[in-house]
Structure formats: structure tokens, C-alpha cells
Amino acid sequence: MIRVTDLSKTFVMGGNELTVLKGISLDIQRGELVSIVGASGAGKSTLLHIIGMLDRPTTGTVHFDGQDMFQMSENEQAEFRNRRIGFVFQFHHLLPEFTALENACMPALIQRRQQADIEPEAIALLQEVGLGSRLHHKPGELSGGEQQRVAVARALLQKPDLVLADEPTGNLDTHTGDALFAMMRELNKARGTTFVIVTHNDKLSGQADRIIQMQDGQIV
């Protein structure tokens, strides 16, 4: 499904070059749940952001179902991201003035789909992640785990082929983080959605189909 070939990323900071990724190559199969682990600064989040087209590589390619993602225009990339990739971050990035239901609907609203068409799908998703009774609560009225569940529902609304999650349990207590990871594992199995999850948590990463260990910008 995803083929990363000889990927490198160099940042220029204050006139100095910092190479964060060094010749990364890997394949991710459709329906896998893959965890990416490694110390802080290993390049895990940078790799995830490039796979999701939130950043561009310095050299190398990323192919999604055979299509070179960085040969697209910026508008084509934005459309591709919105339709086929869901994102879950450590900090949920929910809009505080909107309810859980409205936040979950947001990717489809951006695509100018009609709210009346979207809401039944969003309600079903929020029920699936255990928030059927919290649809009309705003983020400030939800616990950290509940907010992150809204973020997962939002990521799944467009029925993406791929969900990229960057430390999704990093801001949660152990029990809540375990429950969230178990929910993503269940969704992966039930829906066949591919998940790539960056985590520092060895216990959680061990439940993935495959662990990719990174060190100093390389896969080890």
C-alpha cells in the first residue's frame, strides 16, 4: 500500500544543516497495524508527517498504491489527505467552540459535504468509540480520553485507507491510553483500516502487527 524509498530530510537551522532522516526505505501493507518506536529525536514524527504529506522530503519518494505522492500539486495533496488519510495527534486539536459531533464532522464539512448527510455517519462512529451519550458535549466538558476518542472518530469519518497516529496515548493516563489503543486495534481489525502509530510505549507497541525501530534517523 505504501512504499517509502531512500527517504531523507534535512532542516536548515541558523545556517546549520540538521539531517533528521537518513535513507529510510520501508513498505507498509494494507490492513497492517504498524508501530514506530525509538528515542526522542530519532525521526519518528518526521517520517509520519512525510508519509501524510504534512511535510516534504529532501530526497526520496513515497508511493501510495503506486502513485508518487510528491508529484501531486498542493491542491491534489490536500484533496488526497482529506479523502484517504486520517490523522490522530498527541494533542487532539479539537475546536473548543464545537461539540463532539460537530468536531467529528469537520473533515467532511471541509470537503463541502452536506451536514445532514454527514451526521448519521458521525453519530455512528461516535457510538462505535463509546461516546453515544456525549455527542453534544464540547471538548471542555469531556475527559482527555474522551477528547482523543472524538479525534479518532474524526480521523475515520471519511473512511480513510490509512490512519497516522503520532503519540495518541502520550497525553493520557495508563488505563485510558490502554483503552484507546485497544479501540484502535479493534477498529483496525473490524474495518481493515491501516494504522501507523508512533509511540514511546513498549507495552502498546508490542500489540502491533509489526514494530519499526528507529535510531538517529534510520531504521535499525
C-alpha atoms as a PDB file:
ATOM      1  CA  MET A   1       0.000   0.000   0.000  1.00  0.00           C
ATOM      2  CA  ILE A   2       2.776   2.436   0.972  1.00  0.00           C
ATOM      3  CA  ARG A   3       6.332   2.248  -0.316  1.00  0.00           C
ATOM      4  CA  VAL A   4       8.934   4.630   1.101  1.00  0.00           C
ATOM      5  CA  THR A   5      12.205   4.637  -0.846  1.00  0.00           C
ATOM      6  CA  ASP A   6      15.536   6.185   0.195  1.00  0.00           C
ATOM      7  CA  LEU A   7      13.847   8.994   2.136  1.00  0.00           C
ATOM      8  CA  SER A   8      15.939  11.744   3.689  1.00  0.00           C
ATOM      9  CA  LYS A   9      15.016  15.003   5.389  1.00  0.00           C
ATOM     10  CA  THR A  10      17.387  17.835   6.234  1.00  0.00           C
ATOM     11  CA  PHE A  11      16.410  21.012   8.066  1.00  0.00           C
ATOM     12  CA  VAL A  12      18.469  24.214   7.887  1.00  0.00           C
ATOM     13  CA  MET A  13      18.576  25.951  11.268  1.00  0.00           C
ATOM     14  CA  GLY A  14      20.591  29.101  11.816  1.00  0.00           C
ATOM     15  CA  GLY A  15      22.765  28.327   8.826  1.00  0.00           C
ATOM     16  CA  ASN A  16      23.446  24.788  10.050  1.00  0.00           C
ATOM     17  CA  GLU A  17      22.049  21.631   8.491  1.00  0.00           C
ATOM     18  CA  LEU A  18      20.346  19.002  10.635  1.00  0.00           C
ATOM     19  CA  THR A  19      19.613  15.683   8.910  1.00  0.00           C
ATOM     20  CA  VAL A  20      16.686  14.013  10.656  1.00  0.00           C
ATOM     21  CA  LEU A  21      16.015  11.124   8.236  1.00  0.00           C
ATOM     22  CA  LYS A  22      18.834   9.219   6.524  1.00  0.00           C
ATOM     23  CA  GLY A  23      17.894   6.940   3.634  1.00  0.00           C
ATOM     24  CA  ILE A  24      14.696   5.408   5.024  1.00  0.00           C
ATOM     25  CA  SER A  25      13.095   2.620   2.956  1.00  0.00           C
ATOM     26  CA  LEU A  26      10.075   0.581   4.083  1.00  0.00           C
ATOM     27  CA  ASP A  27       6.822  -0.975   2.880  1.00  0.00           C
ATOM     28  CA  ILE A  28       3.503  -0.910   4.740  1.00  0.00           C
ATOM     29  CA  GLN A  29       0.890  -3.460   3.734  1.00  0.00           C
ATOM     30  CA  ARG A  30      -2.829  -2.764   3.508  1.00  0.00           C
ATOM     31  CA  GLY A  31      -4.620  -3.621   6.766  1.00  0.00           C
ATOM     32  CA  GLU A  32      -1.490  -3.678   8.944  1.00  0.00           C
ATOM     33  CA  LEU A  33      -1.203  -2.000  12.312  1.00  0.00           C
ATOM     34  CA  VAL A  34       2.418  -0.869  12.477  1.00  0.00           C
ATOM     35  CA  SER A  35       4.110   0.850  15.412  1.00  0.00           C
ATOM     36  CA  ILE A  36       7.163   3.083  15.025  1.00  0.00           C
ATOM     37  CA  VAL A  37       9.322   3.302  18.141  1.00  0.00           C
ATOM     38  CA  GLY A  38      12.571   4.954  19.162  1.00  0.00           C
ATOM     39  CA  ALA A  39      14.034   7.626  21.403  1.00  0.00           C
ATOM     40  CA  SER A  40      13.039  11.277  21.110  1.00  0.00           C
ATOM     41  CA  GLY A  41      14.788  12.823  18.110  1.00  0.00           C
ATOM     42  CA  ALA A  42      15.018   9.513  16.213  1.00  0.00           C
ATOM     43  CA  GLY A  43      12.917  10.941  13.361  1.00  0.00           C
ATOM     44  CA  LYS A  44       9.657   9.073  14.030  1.00  0.00           C
ATOM     45  CA  SER A  45       7.297  12.047  13.793  1.00  0.00           C
ATOM     46  CA  THR A  46       9.120  13.488  10.788  1.00  0.00           C
ATOM     47  CA  LEU A  47       8.692  10.180   8.952  1.00  0.00           C
ATOM     48  CA  LEU A  48       4.993  10.090   9.856  1.00  0.00           C
ATOM     49  CA  HIS A  49       4.468  13.688   8.688  1.00  0.00           C
ATOM     50  CA  ILE A  50       6.125  12.973   5.332  1.00  0.00           C
ATOM     51  CA  ILE A  51       4.033   9.826   4.780  1.00  0.00           C
ATOM     52  CA  GLY A  52       0.976  12.005   5.461  1.00  0.00           C
ATOM     53  CA  MET A  53       2.211  14.791   3.147  1.00  0.00           C
ATOM     54  CA  LEU A  54       2.326  17.298   6.000  1.00  0.00           C
ATOM     55  CA  ASP A  55       5.997  17.841   5.113  1.00  0.00           C
ATOM     56  CA  ARG A  56       8.154  17.188   2.042  1.00  0.00           C
ATOM     57  CA  PRO A  57      11.270  15.007   1.921  1.00  0.00           C
ATOM     58  CA  THR A  58      14.632  16.411   0.920  1.00  0.00           C
ATOM     59  CA  THR A  59      15.229  13.335  -1.255  1.00  0.00           C
ATOM     60  CA  GLY A  60      13.440  10.051  -1.844  1.00  0.00           C
ATOM     61  CA  THR A  61       9.889   9.046  -2.727  1.00  0.00           C
ATOM     62  CA  VAL A  62       6.640   7.944  -1.086  1.00  0.00           C
ATOM     63  CA  HIS A  63       4.226   5.908  -3.206  1.00  0.00           C
ATOM     64  CA  PHE A  64       0.629   5.232  -2.140  1.00  0.00           C
ATOM     65  CA  ASP A  65      -0.973   2.422  -4.166  1.00  0.00           C
ATOM     66  CA  GLY A  66       1.693   3.055  -6.814  1.00  0.00           C
ATOM     67  CA  GLN A  67       1.111   6.816  -7.003  1.00  0.00           C
ATOM     68  CA  ASP A  68       4.029   9.164  -6.276  1.00  0.00           C
ATOM     69  CA  MET A  69       2.567  11.429  -3.611  1.00  0.00           C
ATOM     70  CA  PHE A  70       5.036  14.251  -4.138  1.00  0.00           C
ATOM     71  CA  GLN A  71       4.376  14.538  -7.858  1.00  0.00           C
ATOM     72  CA  MET A  72       0.924  15.911  -6.990  1.00  0.00           C
ATOM     73  CA  SER A  73       0.132  19.619  -6.800  1.00  0.00           C
ATOM     74  CA  GLU A  74      -0.547  21.086  -3.339  1.00  0.00           C
ATOM     75  CA  ASN A  75      -4.293  21.104  -4.063  1.00  0.00           C
ATOM     76  CA  GLU A  76      -4.191  17.456  -5.144  1.00  0.00           C
ATOM     77  CA  GLN A  77      -2.251  16.572  -1.999  1.00  0.00           C
ATOM     78  CA  ALA A  78      -4.814  18.349   0.195  1.00  0.00           C
ATOM     79  CA  GLU A  79      -7.670  16.523  -1.523  1.00  0.00           C
ATOM     80  CA  PHE A  80      -5.860  13.183  -1.209  1.00  0.00           C
ATOM     81  CA  ARG A  81      -5.159  13.736   2.509  1.00  0.00           C
ATOM     82  CA  ASN A  82      -8.756  14.680   3.219  1.00  0.00           C
ATOM     83  CA  ARG A  83     -10.210  11.636   1.455  1.00  0.00           C
ATOM     84  CA  ARG A  84      -7.722   8.855   2.136  1.00  0.00           C
ATOM     85  CA  ILE A  85      -5.664   9.664   5.254  1.00  0.00           C
ATOM     86  CA  GLY A  86      -6.861  10.240   8.825  1.00  0.00           C
ATOM     87  CA  PHE A  87      -4.676  11.869  11.485  1.00  0.00           C
ATOM     88  CA  VAL A  88      -4.612  11.465  15.271  1.00  0.00           C
ATOM     89  CA  PHE A  89      -2.072  13.509  17.257  1.00  0.00           C
ATOM     90  CA  GLN A  90      -0.948  13.530  20.899  1.00  0.00           C
ATOM     91  CA  PHE A  91      -2.938  16.715  21.414  1.00  0.00           C
ATOM     92  CA  HIS A  92      -6.378  16.138  19.949  1.00  0.00           C
ATOM     93  CA  HIS A  93      -6.682  19.574  18.211  1.00  0.00           C
ATOM     94  CA  LEU A  94     -10.452  19.679  18.686  1.00  0.00           C
ATOM     95  CA  LEU A  95     -12.144  23.033  18.105  1.00  0.00           C
ATOM     96  CA  PRO A  96     -13.298  24.156  21.575  1.00  0.00           C
ATOM     97  CA  GLU A  97     -16.397  26.030  20.415  1.00  0.00           C
ATOM     98  CA  PHE A  98     -17.875  22.974  18.656  1.00  0.00           C
ATOM     99  CA  THR A  99     -19.495  19.824  20.061  1.00  0.00           C
ATOM    100  CA  ALA A 100     -18.063  16.316  19.769  1.00  0.00           C
ATOM    101  CA  LEU A 101     -20.445  15.661  16.877  1.00  0.00           C
ATOM    102  CA  GLU A 102     -19.502  18.882  15.066  1.00  0.00           C
ATOM    103  CA  ASN A 103     -15.778  18.174  15.544  1.00  0.00           C
ATOM    104  CA  ALA A 104     -16.184  14.653  14.169  1.00  0.00           C
ATOM    105  CA  CYS A 105     -17.978  16.062  11.103  1.00  0.00           C
ATOM    106  CA  MET A 106     -15.249  18.602  10.321  1.00  0.00           C
ATOM    107  CA  PRO A 107     -13.241  16.746   7.588  1.00  0.00           C
ATOM    108  CA  ALA A 108     -16.393  16.179   5.520  1.00  0.00           C
ATOM    109  CA  LEU A 109     -17.602  19.754   6.045  1.00  0.00           C
ATOM    110  CA  ILE A 110     -14.244  20.974   4.726  1.00  0.00           C
ATOM    111  CA  GLN A 111     -14.995  18.920   1.613  1.00  0.00           C
ATOM    112  CA  ARG A 112     -18.354  20.745   1.394  1.00  0.00           C
ATOM    113  CA  ARG A 113     -20.477  17.687   2.050  1.00  0.00           C
ATOM    114  CA  GLN A 114     -23.926  18.459   3.443  1.00  0.00           C
ATOM    115  CA  GLN A 115     -24.167  18.291   7.238  1.00  0.00           C
ATOM    116  CA  ALA A 116     -27.467  16.364   7.047  1.00  0.00           C
ATOM    117  CA  ASP A 117     -25.682  13.654   5.045  1.00  0.00           C
ATOM    118  CA  ILE A 118     -22.681  13.501   7.360  1.00  0.00           C
ATOM    119  CA  GLU A 119     -24.274  13.487  10.805  1.00  0.00           C
ATOM    120  CA  PRO A 120     -25.645   9.910  10.746  1.00  0.00           C
ATOM    121  CA  GLU A 121     -22.155   8.625   9.846  1.00  0.00           C
ATOM    122  CA  ALA A 122     -20.519  10.747  12.568  1.00  0.00           C
ATOM    123  CA  ILE A 123     -23.067   9.666  15.183  1.00  0.00           C
ATOM    124  CA  ALA A 124     -22.492   6.004  14.305  1.00  0.00           C
ATOM    125  CA  LEU A 125     -18.724   6.484  14.638  1.00  0.00           C
ATOM    126  CA  LEU A 126     -19.001   8.276  17.975  1.00  0.00           C
ATOM    127  CA  GLN A 127     -21.247   5.474  19.216  1.00  0.00           C
ATOM    128  CA  GLU A 128     -18.671   2.948  17.983  1.00  0.00           C
ATOM    129  CA  VAL A 129     -15.940   4.628  20.057  1.00  0.00           C
ATOM    130  CA  GLY A 130     -18.183   4.750  23.137  1.00  0.00           C
ATOM    131  CA  LEU A 131     -19.372   8.370  23.007  1.00  0.00           C
ATOM    132  CA  GLY A 132     -23.002   7.924  22.018  1.00  0.00           C
ATOM    133  CA  SER A 133     -24.139   9.783  25.131  1.00  0.00           C
ATOM    134  CA  ARG A 134     -21.626  12.644  24.697  1.00  0.00           C
ATOM    135  CA  LEU A 135     -22.487  13.843  21.177  1.00  0.00           C
ATOM    136  CA  HIS A 136     -23.405  17.369  22.175  1.00  0.00           C
ATOM    137  CA  HIS A 137     -20.688  17.971  24.744  1.00  0.00           C
ATOM    138  CA  LYS A 138     -17.915  20.415  23.914  1.00  0.00           C
ATOM    139  CA  PRO A 139     -14.250  19.411  24.401  1.00  0.00           C
ATOM    140  CA  GLY A 140     -14.018  21.260  27.732  1.00  0.00           C
ATOM    141  CA  GLU A 141     -16.786  19.007  29.050  1.00  0.00           C
ATOM    142  CA  LEU A 142     -15.003  15.785  28.039  1.00  0.00           C
ATOM    143  CA  SER A 143     -12.158  13.888  29.695  1.00  0.00           C
ATOM    144  CA  GLY A 144      -8.786  13.579  27.946  1.00  0.00           C
ATOM    145  CA  GLY A 145      -9.597  10.048  26.815  1.00  0.00           C
ATOM    146  CA  GLU A 146     -12.998  11.120  25.509  1.00  0.00           C
ATOM    147  CA  GLN A 147     -11.461  14.008  23.578  1.00  0.00           C
ATOM    148  CA  GLN A 148      -8.969  11.634  21.956  1.00  0.00           C
ATOM    149  CA  ARG A 149     -11.831   9.273  21.034  1.00  0.00           C
ATOM    150  CA  VAL A 150     -13.526  12.185  19.253  1.00  0.00           C
ATOM    151  CA  ALA A 151     -10.240  12.740  17.382  1.00  0.00           C
ATOM    152  CA  VAL A 152     -10.221   9.065  16.322  1.00  0.00           C
ATOM    153  CA  ALA A 153     -13.844   9.319  15.123  1.00  0.00           C
ATOM    154  CA  ARG A 154     -12.929  12.472  13.181  1.00  0.00           C
ATOM    155  CA  ALA A 155      -9.968  10.642  11.592  1.00  0.00           C
ATOM    156  CA  LEU A 156     -12.226   7.777  10.473  1.00  0.00           C
ATOM    157  CA  LEU A 157     -15.161   9.824   9.163  1.00  0.00           C
ATOM    158  CA  GLN A 158     -14.027   9.897   5.538  1.00  0.00           C
ATOM    159  CA  LYS A 159     -13.395   6.127   5.621  1.00  0.00           C
ATOM    160  CA  PRO A 160      -9.654   6.616   5.023  1.00  0.00           C
ATOM    161  CA  ASP A 161      -7.387   3.832   3.810  1.00  0.00           C
ATOM    162  CA  LEU A 162      -4.715   4.936   6.285  1.00  0.00           C
ATOM    163  CA  VAL A 163      -4.702   6.435   9.791  1.00  0.00           C
ATOM    164  CA  LEU A 164      -1.473   8.050  11.031  1.00  0.00           C
ATOM    165  CA  ALA A 165      -1.314   8.458  14.813  1.00  0.00           C
ATOM    166  CA  ASP A 166       1.508  10.398  16.495  1.00  0.00           C
ATOM    167  CA  GLU A 167       1.783   9.517  20.218  1.00  0.00           C
ATOM    168  CA  PRO A 168      -2.028   9.229  20.501  1.00  0.00           C
ATOM    169  CA  THR A 169      -1.803   7.942  24.093  1.00  0.00           C
ATOM    170  CA  GLY A 170       1.107  10.171  25.172  1.00  0.00           C
ATOM    171  CA  ASN A 171      -1.097  12.687  26.977  1.00  0.00           C
ATOM    172  CA  LEU A 172      -3.300  10.096  28.714  1.00  0.00           C
ATOM    173  CA  ASP A 173      -3.028   8.056  31.911  1.00  0.00           C
ATOM    174  CA  THR A 174      -2.066   4.389  31.563  1.00  0.00           C
ATOM    175  CA  HIS A 175      -5.592   2.946  31.829  1.00  0.00           C
ATOM    176  CA  THR A 176      -7.083   5.428  29.344  1.00  0.00           C
ATOM    177  CA  GLY A 177      -4.159   5.008  26.954  1.00  0.00           C
ATOM    178  CA  ASP A 178      -4.505   1.214  27.033  1.00  0.00           C
ATOM    179  CA  ALA A 179      -8.235   1.504  26.301  1.00  0.00           C
ATOM    180  CA  LEU A 180      -7.638   3.891  23.393  1.00  0.00           C
ATOM    181  CA  PHE A 181      -5.005   1.635  21.842  1.00  0.00           C
ATOM    182  CA  ALA A 182      -7.288  -1.397  22.235  1.00  0.00           C
ATOM    183  CA  MET A 183     -10.035   0.550  20.469  1.00  0.00           C
ATOM    184  CA  MET A 184      -7.724   1.384  17.542  1.00  0.00           C
ATOM    185  CA  ARG A 185      -6.656  -2.272  17.326  1.00  0.00           C
ATOM    186  CA  GLU A 186     -10.327  -3.293  17.223  1.00  0.00           C
ATOM    187  CA  LEU A 187     -11.120  -0.725  14.527  1.00  0.00           C
ATOM    188  CA  ASN A 188      -8.128  -1.918  12.524  1.00  0.00           C
ATOM    189  CA  LYS A 189      -9.382  -5.499  12.598  1.00  0.00           C
ATOM    190  CA  ALA A 190     -13.074  -4.679  12.050  1.00  0.00           C
ATOM    191  CA  ARG A 191     -12.604  -2.154   9.239  1.00  0.00           C
ATOM    192  CA  GLY A 192      -9.329  -3.273   7.665  1.00  0.00           C
ATOM    193  CA  THR A 193      -8.022   0.287   8.037  1.00  0.00           C
ATOM    194  CA  THR A 194      -4.228   0.540   8.011  1.00  0.00           C
ATOM    195  CA  PHE A 195      -2.796   2.193  11.147  1.00  0.00           C
ATOM    196  CA  VAL A 196       0.734   3.563  11.567  1.00  0.00           C
ATOM    197  CA  ILE A 197       1.275   4.593  15.187  1.00  0.00           C
ATOM    198  CA  VAL A 198       4.274   6.414  16.654  1.00  0.00           C
ATOM    199  CA  THR A 199       4.596   5.577  20.357  1.00  0.00           C
ATOM    200  CA  HIS A 200       7.114   5.531  23.208  1.00  0.00           C
ATOM    201  CA  ASN A 201       5.033   2.910  24.991  1.00  0.00           C
ATOM    202  CA  ASP A 202       6.702  -0.512  24.643  1.00  0.00           C
ATOM    203  CA  LYS A 203       3.671  -2.314  26.058  1.00  0.00           C
ATOM    204  CA  LEU A 204       1.387  -0.844  23.416  1.00  0.00           C
ATOM    205  CA  SER A 205       3.828  -1.168  20.528  1.00  0.00           C
ATOM    206  CA  GLY A 206       4.140  -4.864  21.301  1.00  0.00           C
ATOM    207  CA  GLN A 207       0.483  -5.325  20.325  1.00  0.00           C
ATOM    208  CA  ALA A 208       1.111  -4.133  16.749  1.00  0.00           C
ATOM    209  CA  ASP A 209       1.474  -6.473  13.776  1.00  0.00           C
ATOM    210  CA  ARG A 210       4.977  -5.132  13.250  1.00  0.00           C
ATOM    211  CA  ILE A 211       7.381  -2.842  15.126  1.00  0.00           C
ATOM    212  CA  ILE A 212       9.694  -0.482  13.236  1.00  0.00           C
ATOM    213  CA  GLN A 213      12.582   0.629  15.460  1.00  0.00           C
ATOM    214  CA  MET A 214      14.257   3.955  14.603  1.00  0.00           C
ATOM    215  CA  GLN A 215      17.528   5.383  15.832  1.00  0.00           C
ATOM    216  CA  ASP A 216      19.332   8.537  14.671  1.00  0.00           C
ATOM    217  CA  GLY A 217      17.158   8.919  11.569  1.00  0.00           C
ATOM    218  CA  GLN A 218      17.495   5.319  10.412  1.00  0.00           C
ATOM    219  CA  ILE A 219      15.560   2.060  10.740  1.00  0.00           C
ATOM    220  CA  VAL A 220      17.544  -0.367  12.878  1.00  0.00           C
END
